[in-house]
N, C-alpha and C. Protein backbone atom coordinates (compact mmCIF):
# COMPACT_ATOMS: atom_id res chain seq x y z
N UNK A 1 122.15 67.38 98.54
CA UNK A 1 123.25 68.07 99.17
C UNK A 1 123.67 69.30 98.36
N UNK A 2 123.51 69.21 97.06
CA UNK A 2 123.85 70.37 96.23
C UNK A 2 122.93 71.54 96.56
N UNK A 3 121.62 71.25 96.74
CA UNK A 3 120.66 72.30 97.09
C UNK A 3 121.00 72.91 98.45
N UNK A 4 121.37 72.08 99.39
CA UNK A 4 121.70 72.58 100.73
C UNK A 4 122.98 73.41 100.67
N UNK A 5 123.99 72.94 99.93
CA UNK A 5 125.23 73.70 99.80
C UNK A 5 124.94 75.08 99.21
N UNK A 6 124.09 75.12 98.18
CA UNK A 6 123.77 76.40 97.55
C UNK A 6 123.07 77.35 98.51
N UNK A 7 122.28 76.81 99.42
CA UNK A 7 121.55 77.65 100.36
C UNK A 7 122.08 77.58 101.78
N UNK A 8 123.35 77.23 101.93
CA UNK A 8 123.94 77.03 103.26
C UNK A 8 123.85 78.27 104.14
N UNK A 9 123.94 79.45 103.55
CA UNK A 9 123.89 80.67 104.35
C UNK A 9 122.54 80.83 105.05
N UNK A 10 121.47 80.30 104.44
CA UNK A 10 120.14 80.38 105.08
C UNK A 10 120.13 79.60 106.38
N UNK A 11 120.84 78.48 106.42
CA UNK A 11 120.89 77.68 107.65
C UNK A 11 121.78 78.35 108.69
N UNK A 12 122.82 79.01 108.24
CA UNK A 12 123.71 79.73 109.17
C UNK A 12 122.95 80.86 109.86
N UNK A 13 122.08 81.55 109.12
CA UNK A 13 121.32 82.64 109.73
C UNK A 13 120.28 82.11 110.72
N UNK A 14 119.97 80.81 110.62
CA UNK A 14 119.04 80.18 111.56
C UNK A 14 119.80 79.52 112.72
N UNK A 15 121.09 79.80 112.82
CA UNK A 15 121.92 79.26 113.89
C UNK A 15 122.02 77.74 113.83
N UNK A 16 122.01 77.19 112.62
CA UNK A 16 122.02 75.74 112.44
C UNK A 16 123.30 75.29 111.77
N UNK A 17 123.76 74.14 112.17
CA UNK A 17 124.89 73.49 111.51
C UNK A 17 124.33 72.29 110.76
N UNK A 18 124.64 72.21 109.48
CA UNK A 18 124.14 71.12 108.64
C UNK A 18 125.22 70.05 108.56
N UNK A 19 124.83 68.82 108.86
CA UNK A 19 125.74 67.68 108.77
C UNK A 19 125.04 66.61 107.94
N UNK A 20 125.68 66.17 106.89
CA UNK A 20 125.15 65.09 106.07
C UNK A 20 125.76 63.78 106.53
N UNK A 21 124.92 62.80 106.76
CA UNK A 21 125.39 61.49 107.22
C UNK A 21 124.96 60.46 106.18
N UNK A 22 125.91 59.62 105.77
CA UNK A 22 125.57 58.54 104.85
C UNK A 22 126.33 57.28 105.24
N UNK A 23 125.87 56.15 104.72
CA UNK A 23 126.52 54.89 105.02
C UNK A 23 127.70 54.62 104.08
N UNK A 24 128.06 55.60 103.28
CA UNK A 24 129.23 55.48 102.41
C UNK A 24 130.51 55.64 103.22
N UNK A 25 131.61 55.15 102.66
CA UNK A 25 132.90 55.29 103.34
C UNK A 25 133.35 56.75 103.28
N UNK A 26 134.21 57.16 104.21
CA UNK A 26 134.73 58.53 104.16
C UNK A 26 135.46 58.82 102.85
N UNK A 27 136.07 57.81 102.27
CA UNK A 27 136.81 58.01 101.01
C UNK A 27 135.85 58.28 99.86
N UNK A 28 134.75 57.54 99.81
CA UNK A 28 133.73 57.77 98.78
C UNK A 28 133.08 59.14 98.98
N UNK A 29 132.81 59.50 100.23
CA UNK A 29 132.21 60.80 100.52
C UNK A 29 133.13 61.93 100.07
N UNK A 30 134.42 61.80 100.37
CA UNK A 30 135.37 62.85 100.00
C UNK A 30 135.44 63.04 98.49
N UNK A 31 135.49 61.93 97.75
CA UNK A 31 135.56 62.01 96.29
C UNK A 31 134.27 62.62 95.73
N UNK A 32 133.13 62.20 96.25
CA UNK A 32 131.85 62.72 95.79
C UNK A 32 131.71 64.20 96.11
N UNK A 33 132.10 64.59 97.33
CA UNK A 33 131.99 65.99 97.74
C UNK A 33 132.88 66.89 96.87
N UNK A 34 134.06 66.41 96.54
CA UNK A 34 134.96 67.20 95.68
C UNK A 34 134.36 67.33 94.28
N UNK A 35 133.87 66.24 93.74
CA UNK A 35 133.30 66.26 92.38
C UNK A 35 132.08 67.17 92.30
N UNK A 36 131.21 67.10 93.31
CA UNK A 36 129.95 67.86 93.28
C UNK A 36 130.04 69.21 93.99
N UNK A 37 131.23 69.54 94.51
CA UNK A 37 131.45 70.81 95.22
C UNK A 37 130.50 70.96 96.41
N UNK A 38 130.41 69.89 97.21
CA UNK A 38 129.56 69.88 98.39
C UNK A 38 130.28 70.63 99.50
N UNK A 39 129.60 71.60 100.10
CA UNK A 39 130.24 72.46 101.09
C UNK A 39 129.78 72.23 102.52
N UNK A 40 129.05 71.15 102.77
CA UNK A 40 128.62 70.89 104.14
C UNK A 40 129.48 69.80 104.75
N UNK A 41 129.44 69.72 106.06
CA UNK A 41 130.17 68.67 106.77
C UNK A 41 129.52 67.33 106.47
N UNK A 42 130.33 66.34 106.13
CA UNK A 42 129.84 65.00 105.87
C UNK A 42 130.40 64.05 106.93
N UNK A 43 129.57 63.14 107.38
CA UNK A 43 129.99 62.13 108.35
C UNK A 43 129.64 60.75 107.81
N UNK A 44 130.56 59.82 107.97
CA UNK A 44 130.33 58.46 107.51
C UNK A 44 129.70 57.62 108.62
N UNK A 45 128.67 56.91 108.25
CA UNK A 45 128.01 55.95 109.15
C UNK A 45 128.21 54.56 108.55
N UNK A 46 129.44 54.26 108.23
CA UNK A 46 129.77 53.02 107.52
C UNK A 46 129.27 51.79 108.27
N UNK A 47 129.30 51.82 109.59
CA UNK A 47 128.82 50.66 110.36
C UNK A 47 127.31 50.69 110.59
N UNK A 48 126.65 51.76 110.13
CA UNK A 48 125.19 51.92 110.11
C UNK A 48 124.56 52.04 111.50
N UNK A 49 125.35 52.36 112.51
CA UNK A 49 124.79 52.48 113.86
C UNK A 49 123.92 53.73 114.01
N UNK A 50 124.29 54.81 113.35
CA UNK A 50 123.49 56.04 113.43
C UNK A 50 122.15 55.84 112.73
N UNK A 51 122.17 55.26 111.54
CA UNK A 51 120.92 54.99 110.81
C UNK A 51 120.02 54.07 111.64
N UNK A 52 120.61 53.09 112.28
CA UNK A 52 119.83 52.17 113.12
C UNK A 52 119.24 52.92 114.31
N UNK A 53 120.07 53.75 114.97
CA UNK A 53 119.62 54.48 116.16
C UNK A 53 118.49 55.46 115.83
N UNK A 54 118.52 56.05 114.65
CA UNK A 54 117.50 57.01 114.25
C UNK A 54 116.31 56.36 113.55
N UNK A 55 116.34 55.04 113.42
CA UNK A 55 115.22 54.31 112.86
C UNK A 55 115.05 54.45 111.36
N UNK A 56 116.13 54.72 110.64
CA UNK A 56 116.02 54.90 109.19
C UNK A 56 116.86 53.89 108.40
N UNK A 57 117.22 52.80 109.05
CA UNK A 57 117.97 51.75 108.36
C UNK A 57 116.98 50.82 107.67
N UNK A 58 117.10 50.74 106.36
CA UNK A 58 116.24 49.85 105.57
C UNK A 58 116.93 48.50 105.49
N UNK A 59 116.21 47.41 105.72
CA UNK A 59 116.84 46.09 105.78
C UNK A 59 117.46 45.63 104.46
N UNK A 60 116.85 45.98 103.35
CA UNK A 60 117.39 45.55 102.06
C UNK A 60 116.83 46.44 100.96
N UNK A 61 117.69 46.88 100.09
CA UNK A 61 117.26 47.69 98.95
C UNK A 61 117.73 47.01 97.69
N UNK A 62 116.82 46.44 96.97
CA UNK A 62 117.06 45.73 95.71
C UNK A 62 118.29 44.82 95.76
N UNK A 63 118.42 44.09 96.85
CA UNK A 63 119.51 43.13 96.97
C UNK A 63 120.85 43.70 97.37
N UNK A 64 120.89 44.99 97.74
CA UNK A 64 122.16 45.62 98.10
C UNK A 64 122.49 45.47 99.59
N UNK A 65 121.60 44.89 100.34
CA UNK A 65 121.79 44.81 101.78
C UNK A 65 121.20 46.04 102.45
N UNK A 66 121.48 46.19 103.74
CA UNK A 66 120.89 47.31 104.48
C UNK A 66 121.51 48.64 104.05
N UNK A 67 120.64 49.62 103.89
CA UNK A 67 121.05 50.97 103.53
C UNK A 67 120.22 51.95 104.34
N UNK A 68 120.64 53.18 104.35
CA UNK A 68 119.89 54.22 105.05
C UNK A 68 118.86 54.83 104.13
N UNK A 69 117.68 55.08 104.69
CA UNK A 69 116.65 55.83 103.97
C UNK A 69 117.10 57.29 103.90
N UNK A 70 116.49 58.04 103.01
CA UNK A 70 116.74 59.47 103.00
C UNK A 70 115.88 60.07 104.11
N UNK A 71 116.51 60.79 104.99
CA UNK A 71 115.80 61.35 106.14
C UNK A 71 116.45 62.66 106.56
N UNK A 72 115.70 63.44 107.32
CA UNK A 72 116.21 64.70 107.84
C UNK A 72 115.78 64.83 109.30
N UNK A 73 116.67 65.36 110.10
CA UNK A 73 116.40 65.56 111.52
C UNK A 73 116.88 66.92 111.94
N UNK A 74 116.15 67.57 112.82
CA UNK A 74 116.61 68.79 113.48
C UNK A 74 116.77 68.41 114.94
N UNK A 75 118.00 68.53 115.40
CA UNK A 75 118.33 68.21 116.79
C UNK A 75 118.71 69.52 117.48
N UNK A 76 118.04 69.83 118.56
CA UNK A 76 118.31 71.10 119.23
C UNK A 76 119.59 71.03 120.06
N UNK A 77 119.94 72.13 120.68
CA UNK A 77 121.20 72.23 121.43
C UNK A 77 121.25 71.28 122.62
N UNK A 78 120.09 70.80 123.06
CA UNK A 78 120.03 69.86 124.18
C UNK A 78 120.00 68.41 123.72
N UNK A 79 120.13 68.21 122.40
CA UNK A 79 120.14 66.85 121.86
C UNK A 79 118.76 66.25 121.66
N UNK A 80 117.73 67.09 121.71
CA UNK A 80 116.35 66.63 121.54
C UNK A 80 115.95 66.78 120.07
N UNK A 81 115.40 65.73 119.49
CA UNK A 81 114.94 65.79 118.11
C UNK A 81 113.67 66.64 118.06
N UNK A 82 113.74 67.74 117.32
CA UNK A 82 112.62 68.66 117.18
C UNK A 82 111.85 68.44 115.87
N UNK A 83 112.48 67.75 114.93
CA UNK A 83 111.84 67.49 113.63
C UNK A 83 112.47 66.22 113.07
N UNK A 84 111.63 65.38 112.50
CA UNK A 84 112.15 64.20 111.80
C UNK A 84 111.27 63.90 110.60
N UNK A 85 111.91 63.45 109.56
CA UNK A 85 111.19 63.13 108.33
C UNK A 85 111.96 62.06 107.58
N UNK A 86 111.26 61.03 107.17
CA UNK A 86 111.83 60.03 106.27
C UNK A 86 111.07 60.14 104.97
N UNK A 87 111.75 60.38 103.88
CA UNK A 87 111.07 60.57 102.60
C UNK A 87 110.53 59.23 102.09
N UNK A 88 109.49 59.27 101.25
CA UNK A 88 108.89 58.03 100.75
C UNK A 88 109.88 57.15 99.97
N UNK A 89 110.77 57.79 99.22
CA UNK A 89 111.80 57.05 98.48
C UNK A 89 113.12 57.80 98.64
N UNK A 90 114.22 57.13 98.30
CA UNK A 90 115.53 57.77 98.40
C UNK A 90 115.70 58.87 97.36
N UNK A 91 114.83 58.92 96.37
CA UNK A 91 114.91 59.97 95.35
C UNK A 91 114.22 61.25 95.78
N UNK A 92 113.32 61.16 96.76
CA UNK A 92 112.59 62.33 97.23
C UNK A 92 113.44 63.15 98.19
N UNK A 93 113.28 64.46 98.13
CA UNK A 93 114.00 65.35 99.02
C UNK A 93 113.15 65.67 100.25
N UNK A 94 113.81 65.94 101.37
CA UNK A 94 113.06 66.35 102.56
C UNK A 94 112.37 67.69 102.33
N UNK A 95 111.46 68.01 103.20
CA UNK A 95 110.72 69.27 103.14
C UNK A 95 111.59 70.37 103.79
N UNK A 96 112.40 71.02 102.98
CA UNK A 96 113.34 72.02 103.50
C UNK A 96 112.62 73.21 104.11
N UNK A 97 111.45 73.56 103.58
CA UNK A 97 110.69 74.68 104.16
C UNK A 97 110.26 74.35 105.59
N UNK A 98 109.80 73.14 105.82
CA UNK A 98 109.39 72.72 107.16
C UNK A 98 110.59 72.70 108.11
N UNK A 99 111.72 72.26 107.61
CA UNK A 99 112.94 72.22 108.42
C UNK A 99 113.32 73.64 108.84
N UNK A 100 113.32 74.56 107.87
CA UNK A 100 113.68 75.95 108.18
C UNK A 100 112.67 76.58 109.13
N UNK A 101 111.41 76.20 109.01
CA UNK A 101 110.38 76.73 109.92
C UNK A 101 110.68 76.29 111.37
N UNK A 102 111.00 75.02 111.55
CA UNK A 102 111.34 74.52 112.88
C UNK A 102 112.59 75.23 113.40
N UNK A 103 113.59 75.37 112.55
CA UNK A 103 114.83 76.04 112.97
C UNK A 103 114.57 77.49 113.37
N UNK A 104 113.69 78.17 112.64
CA UNK A 104 113.41 79.58 112.97
C UNK A 104 112.78 79.71 114.35
N UNK A 105 112.04 78.71 114.77
CA UNK A 105 111.41 78.73 116.09
C UNK A 105 112.40 78.40 117.21
N UNK A 106 113.50 77.74 116.85
CA UNK A 106 114.52 77.40 117.84
C UNK A 106 115.56 78.49 118.00
N UNK A 107 115.69 79.34 116.98
CA UNK A 107 116.75 80.37 116.99
C UNK A 107 116.50 81.44 118.04
């Protein structure tokens, strides 16, 4: 999210709105965003319905229960998914160049 915040203007020029979704509570997200100076819109998926709907809910991560995988989606103005990626691990970042390439074709 720090990388995306730093390059947020690149997404704006591609006519894209970036929304970060996590299974954390809104209170945890707010504290984290303030500490890390995150400048994108964050949405809480505390009940994990979005992660389930997008197929990125992992059943169990080292005994922590179900969590969301790290994933990226480009959804066009008609609500159609134009790009989707689930990273191999939660530590890996999505392919931002591929995301921007898809966005440039939609702009």
